[in-house]
Amino acid sequence: MISLYTDGACRGNPGIGSYAYALYKNKVLIKEGGSVSKMTTNNIMELSAIYYGLLECSYTDSIQVFSDSKYAISGITQWRFKWRSSHWLKSDKTPVLNLDLWKKLDSLVDQFTHLTFHWVKGHALDPHNNYVDSLANKLLDEKIL
């Protein structure tokens, strides 16, 4: 079982942002990563963390994804199916925000055979979520300082 913890951070929204992910196998950290973007939004960074973390996994792995972003979790587990069937329009008939990233994530997620998503409360007692939060913020601090 693989556990993928993800987080995004942004200073200003939009502003400079970063994402981070950490992959665990049997509770042992096996890989971490992340990146910084000059002008982005927090939601883009949250989605990017999941996307790039999943790219590090095999499609046949059994994976649990953990994120503190209700936007990302709800989008992946519920909204994307409606968006896809409505040609990527929201209920008010306007285009889905971050459309290119949503389409890439939608296509990627569908390739996995054993994939579940879980929302975790940010800045709470989950040490793995706190770890990726600190990674994302460290990336920002290094870029800003």
C-alpha atoms as a PDB file:
ATOM      1  CA  MET A   1       0.000   0.000   0.000  1.00  0.00           C
ATOM      2  CA  ILE A   2       1.299   3.419  -1.029  1.00  0.00           C
ATOM      3  CA  SER A   3       0.235   6.569   0.831  1.00  0.00           C
ATOM      4  CA  LEU A   4       0.624   9.842  -1.045  1.00  0.00           C
ATOM      5  CA  TYR A   5       0.446  13.006   1.061  1.00  0.00           C
ATOM      6  CA  THR A   6       0.154  16.292  -0.813  1.00  0.00           C
ATOM      7  CA  ASP A   7      -0.031  19.999  -0.107  1.00  0.00           C
ATOM      8  CA  GLY A   8       0.098  23.325  -1.873  1.00  0.00           C
ATOM      9  CA  ALA A   9       1.093  26.732  -0.569  1.00  0.00           C
ATOM     10  CA  CYS A  10       0.811  30.248  -1.914  1.00  0.00           C
ATOM     11  CA  ARG A  11       2.021  33.672  -0.745  1.00  0.00           C
ATOM     12  CA  GLY A  12      -0.669  35.867  -2.154  1.00  0.00           C
ATOM     13  CA  ASN A  13      -3.440  34.297  -4.182  1.00  0.00           C
ATOM     14  CA  PRO A  14      -2.418  34.641  -6.920  1.00  0.00           C
ATOM     15  CA  GLY A  15       1.217  34.874  -6.012  1.00  0.00           C
ATOM     16  CA  ILE A  16       4.342  32.804  -5.656  1.00  0.00           C
ATOM     17  CA  GLY A  17       3.353  29.238  -4.844  1.00  0.00           C
ATOM     18  CA  SER A  18       4.712  25.781  -4.270  1.00  0.00           C
ATOM     19  CA  TYR A  19       3.566  22.227  -3.919  1.00  0.00           C
ATOM     20  CA  ALA A  20       5.026  19.212  -2.176  1.00  0.00           C
ATOM     21  CA  TYR A  21       4.282  15.527  -1.949  1.00  0.00           C
ATOM     22  CA  ALA A  22       5.593  12.603   0.037  1.00  0.00           C
ATOM     23  CA  LEU A  23       5.178   8.931  -0.862  1.00  0.00           C
ATOM     24  CA  TYR A  24       5.157   6.322   1.875  1.00  0.00           C
ATOM     25  CA  LYS A  25       5.230   2.562   1.507  1.00  0.00           C
ATOM     26  CA  ASN A  26       4.275   0.712   4.671  1.00  0.00           C
ATOM     27  CA  LYS A  27       4.679   4.007   6.584  1.00  0.00           C
ATOM     28  CA  VAL A  28       8.283   4.462   5.379  1.00  0.00           C
ATOM     29  CA  LEU A  29       9.090   7.589   3.334  1.00  0.00           C
ATOM     30  CA  ILE A  30      10.249   6.432  -0.107  1.00  0.00           C
ATOM     31  CA  LYS A  31      10.156   9.657  -2.150  1.00  0.00           C
ATOM     32  CA  GLU A  32       9.361  13.321  -1.811  1.00  0.00           C
ATOM     33  CA  GLY A  33       9.213  16.153  -4.284  1.00  0.00           C
ATOM     34  CA  GLY A  34       7.881  19.575  -5.079  1.00  0.00           C
ATOM     35  CA  SER A  35       8.340  22.727  -7.066  1.00  0.00           C
ATOM     36  CA  VAL A  36       7.813  26.500  -7.000  1.00  0.00           C
ATOM     37  CA  SER A  37       5.850  28.675  -9.451  1.00  0.00           C
ATOM     38  CA  LYS A  38       6.251  32.430  -9.748  1.00  0.00           C
ATOM     39  CA  MET A  39       2.607  33.370 -10.330  1.00  0.00           C
ATOM     40  CA  THR A  40      -0.044  30.832  -9.416  1.00  0.00           C
ATOM     41  CA  THR A  41      -2.940  30.092  -7.080  1.00  0.00           C
ATOM     42  CA  ASN A  42      -3.261  27.855  -4.063  1.00  0.00           C
ATOM     43  CA  ASN A  43      -5.756  25.602  -5.869  1.00  0.00           C
ATOM     44  CA  ILE A  44      -3.344  25.061  -8.757  1.00  0.00           C
ATOM     45  CA  MET A  45      -0.627  24.105  -6.294  1.00  0.00           C
ATOM     46  CA  GLU A  46      -2.942  21.671  -4.462  1.00  0.00           C
ATOM     47  CA  LEU A  47      -3.865  19.975  -7.758  1.00  0.00           C
ATOM     48  CA  SER A  48      -0.244  19.963  -8.928  1.00  0.00           C
ATOM     49  CA  ALA A  49       0.886  18.192  -5.759  1.00  0.00           C
ATOM     50  CA  ILE A  50      -1.554  15.361  -6.424  1.00  0.00           C
ATOM     51  CA  TYR A  51      -0.765  15.211 -10.131  1.00  0.00           C
ATOM     52  CA  TYR A  52       3.019  15.104  -9.793  1.00  0.00           C
ATOM     53  CA  GLY A  53       2.868  12.757  -6.821  1.00  0.00           C
ATOM     54  CA  LEU A  54       0.742  10.300  -8.809  1.00  0.00           C
ATOM     55  CA  LEU A  55       3.200  10.462 -11.699  1.00  0.00           C
ATOM     56  CA  GLU A  56       5.722   8.829  -9.353  1.00  0.00           C
ATOM     57  CA  CYS A  57       3.433   5.820  -8.807  1.00  0.00           C
ATOM     58  CA  SER A  58       2.732   2.710 -10.830  1.00  0.00           C
ATOM     59  CA  TYR A  59      -0.780   2.335 -12.218  1.00  0.00           C
ATOM     60  CA  THR A  60      -1.026  -1.056 -10.530  1.00  0.00           C
ATOM     61  CA  ASP A  61      -0.033   0.182  -7.056  1.00  0.00           C
ATOM     62  CA  SER A  62      -2.717   0.382  -4.400  1.00  0.00           C
ATOM     63  CA  ILE A  63      -2.614   4.071  -3.491  1.00  0.00           C
ATOM     64  CA  GLN A  64      -4.273   6.239  -0.886  1.00  0.00           C
ATOM     65  CA  VAL A  65      -4.039   9.972  -1.577  1.00  0.00           C
ATOM     66  CA  PHE A  66      -4.324  12.396   1.340  1.00  0.00           C
ATOM     67  CA  SER A  67      -4.908  16.132   0.889  1.00  0.00           C
ATOM     68  CA  ASP A  68      -6.165  18.972   3.053  1.00  0.00           C
ATOM     69  CA  SER A  69      -7.784  20.587   0.000  1.00  0.00           C
ATOM     70  CA  LYS A  70     -11.542  20.051  -0.148  1.00  0.00           C
ATOM     71  CA  TYR A  71     -11.432  21.629  -3.621  1.00  0.00           C
ATOM     72  CA  ALA A  72      -9.041  18.947  -4.895  1.00  0.00           C
ATOM     73  CA  ILE A  73     -10.687  16.009  -3.142  1.00  0.00           C
ATOM     74  CA  SER A  74     -14.252  17.003  -4.085  1.00  0.00           C
ATOM     75  CA  GLY A  75     -13.170  17.800  -7.627  1.00  0.00           C
ATOM     76  CA  ILE A  76     -11.547  14.408  -8.120  1.00  0.00           C
ATOM     77  CA  THR A  77     -14.128  12.267  -6.351  1.00  0.00           C
ATOM     78  CA  GLN A  78     -17.323  14.075  -7.412  1.00  0.00           C
ATOM     79  CA  TRP A  79     -17.249  17.136  -9.639  1.00  0.00           C
ATOM     80  CA  ARG A  80     -15.030  15.911 -12.472  1.00  0.00           C
ATOM     81  CA  PHE A  81     -17.623  13.352 -13.608  1.00  0.00           C
ATOM     82  CA  LYS A  82     -20.276  16.057 -13.983  1.00  0.00           C
ATOM     83  CA  TRP A  83     -17.781  18.432 -15.588  1.00  0.00           C
ATOM     84  CA  ARG A  84     -16.666  15.810 -18.083  1.00  0.00           C
ATOM     85  CA  SER A  85     -20.249  15.020 -19.125  1.00  0.00           C
ATOM     86  CA  SER A  86     -21.049  18.740 -19.454  1.00  0.00           C
ATOM     87  CA  HIS A  87     -17.977  19.445 -21.626  1.00  0.00           C
ATOM     88  CA  TRP A  88     -16.090  20.885 -18.649  1.00  0.00           C
ATOM     89  CA  LEU A  89     -18.663  23.516 -17.796  1.00  0.00           C
ATOM     90  CA  LYS A  90     -19.831  24.222 -14.244  1.00  0.00           C
ATOM     91  CA  SER A  91     -23.519  24.278 -13.343  1.00  0.00           C
ATOM     92  CA  ASP A  92     -23.619  28.027 -14.129  1.00  0.00           C
ATOM     93  CA  LYS A  93     -22.377  27.157 -17.668  1.00  0.00           C
ATOM     94  CA  THR A  94     -18.990  28.838 -17.167  1.00  0.00           C
ATOM     95  CA  PRO A  95     -15.776  26.918 -17.842  1.00  0.00           C
ATOM     96  CA  VAL A  96     -14.169  25.019 -14.994  1.00  0.00           C
ATOM     97  CA  LEU A  97     -11.283  26.957 -13.482  1.00  0.00           C
ATOM     98  CA  ASN A  98      -7.817  25.434 -13.983  1.00  0.00           C
ATOM     99  CA  LEU A  99      -9.244  23.417 -16.868  1.00  0.00           C
ATOM    100  CA  ASP A 100      -5.964  22.205 -18.393  1.00  0.00           C
ATOM    101  CA  LEU A 101      -4.771  20.843 -15.065  1.00  0.00           C
ATOM    102  CA  TRP A 102      -8.146  19.261 -14.291  1.00  0.00           C
ATOM    103  CA  LYS A 103      -8.155  17.469 -17.645  1.00  0.00           C
ATOM    104  CA  LYS A 104      -4.634  16.139 -17.083  1.00  0.00           C
ATOM    105  CA  LEU A 105      -5.500  14.994 -13.578  1.00  0.00           C
ATOM    106  CA  ASP A 106      -8.769  13.430 -14.758  1.00  0.00           C
ATOM    107  CA  SER A 107      -6.960  11.412 -17.412  1.00  0.00           C
ATOM    108  CA  LEU A 108      -4.202  10.341 -15.026  1.00  0.00           C
ATOM    109  CA  VAL A 109      -6.525   9.295 -12.194  1.00  0.00           C
ATOM    110  CA  ASP A 110      -8.574   7.109 -14.540  1.00  0.00           C
ATOM    111  CA  GLN A 111      -5.485   5.021 -15.351  1.00  0.00           C
ATOM    112  CA  PHE A 112      -5.051   3.719 -11.798  1.00  0.00           C
ATOM    113  CA  THR A 113      -6.742   0.510 -10.722  1.00  0.00           C
ATOM    114  CA  HIS A 114      -6.622   0.953  -6.923  1.00  0.00           C
ATOM    115  CA  LEU A 115      -6.834   4.601  -5.956  1.00  0.00           C
ATOM    116  CA  THR A 116      -8.686   6.246  -3.062  1.00  0.00           C
ATOM    117  CA  PHE A 117      -8.767   9.857  -1.918  1.00  0.00           C
ATOM    118  CA  HIS A 118      -9.025  11.154   1.632  1.00  0.00           C
ATOM    119  CA  TRP A 119      -9.444  14.640   3.011  1.00  0.00           C
ATOM    120  CA  VAL A 120      -7.411  15.437   6.125  1.00  0.00           C
ATOM    121  CA  LYS A 121      -7.703  18.539   8.250  1.00  0.00           C
ATOM    122  CA  GLY A 122      -4.797  20.866   7.534  1.00  0.00           C
ATOM    123  CA  HIS A 123      -2.476  22.036  10.300  1.00  0.00           C
ATOM    124  CA  ALA A 124      -3.901  19.423  12.664  1.00  0.00           C
ATOM    125  CA  LEU A 125      -2.531  16.244  14.174  1.00  0.00           C
ATOM    126  CA  ASP A 126      -1.619  14.325  11.015  1.00  0.00           C
ATOM    127  CA  PRO A 127       2.203  14.262  10.989  1.00  0.00           C
ATOM    128  CA  HIS A 128       2.435  13.351   7.289  1.00  0.00           C
ATOM    129  CA  ASN A 129       0.181  16.235   6.262  1.00  0.00           C
ATOM    130  CA  ASN A 130       2.189  18.577   8.473  1.00  0.00           C
ATOM    131  CA  TYR A 131       5.374  17.280   6.847  1.00  0.00           C
ATOM    132  CA  VAL A 132       4.285  18.082   3.275  1.00  0.00           C
ATOM    133  CA  ASP A 133       2.994  21.452   4.464  1.00  0.00           C
ATOM    134  CA  SER A 134       6.447  22.203   5.863  1.00  0.00           C
ATOM    135  CA  LEU A 135       8.092  21.003   2.631  1.00  0.00           C
ATOM    136  CA  ALA A 136       5.916  23.291   0.503  1.00  0.00           C
ATOM    137  CA  ASN A 137       6.577  26.270   2.767  1.00  0.00           C
ATOM    138  CA  LYS A 138      10.310  25.534   2.897  1.00  0.00           C
ATOM    139  CA  LEU A 139      10.397  25.613  -0.915  1.00  0.00           C
ATOM    140  CA  LEU A 140       8.688  29.013  -0.829  1.00  0.00           C
ATOM    141  CA  ASP A 141      11.012  30.370   1.831  1.00  0.00           C
ATOM    142  CA  GLU A 142      14.074  29.250  -0.131  1.00  0.00           C
ATOM    143  CA  LYS A 143      12.765  30.942  -3.286  1.00  0.00           C
ATOM    144  CA  ILE A 144      11.782  34.179  -1.535  1.00  0.00           C
ATOM    145  CA  LEU A 145      14.846  34.596   0.677  1.00  0.00           C
END
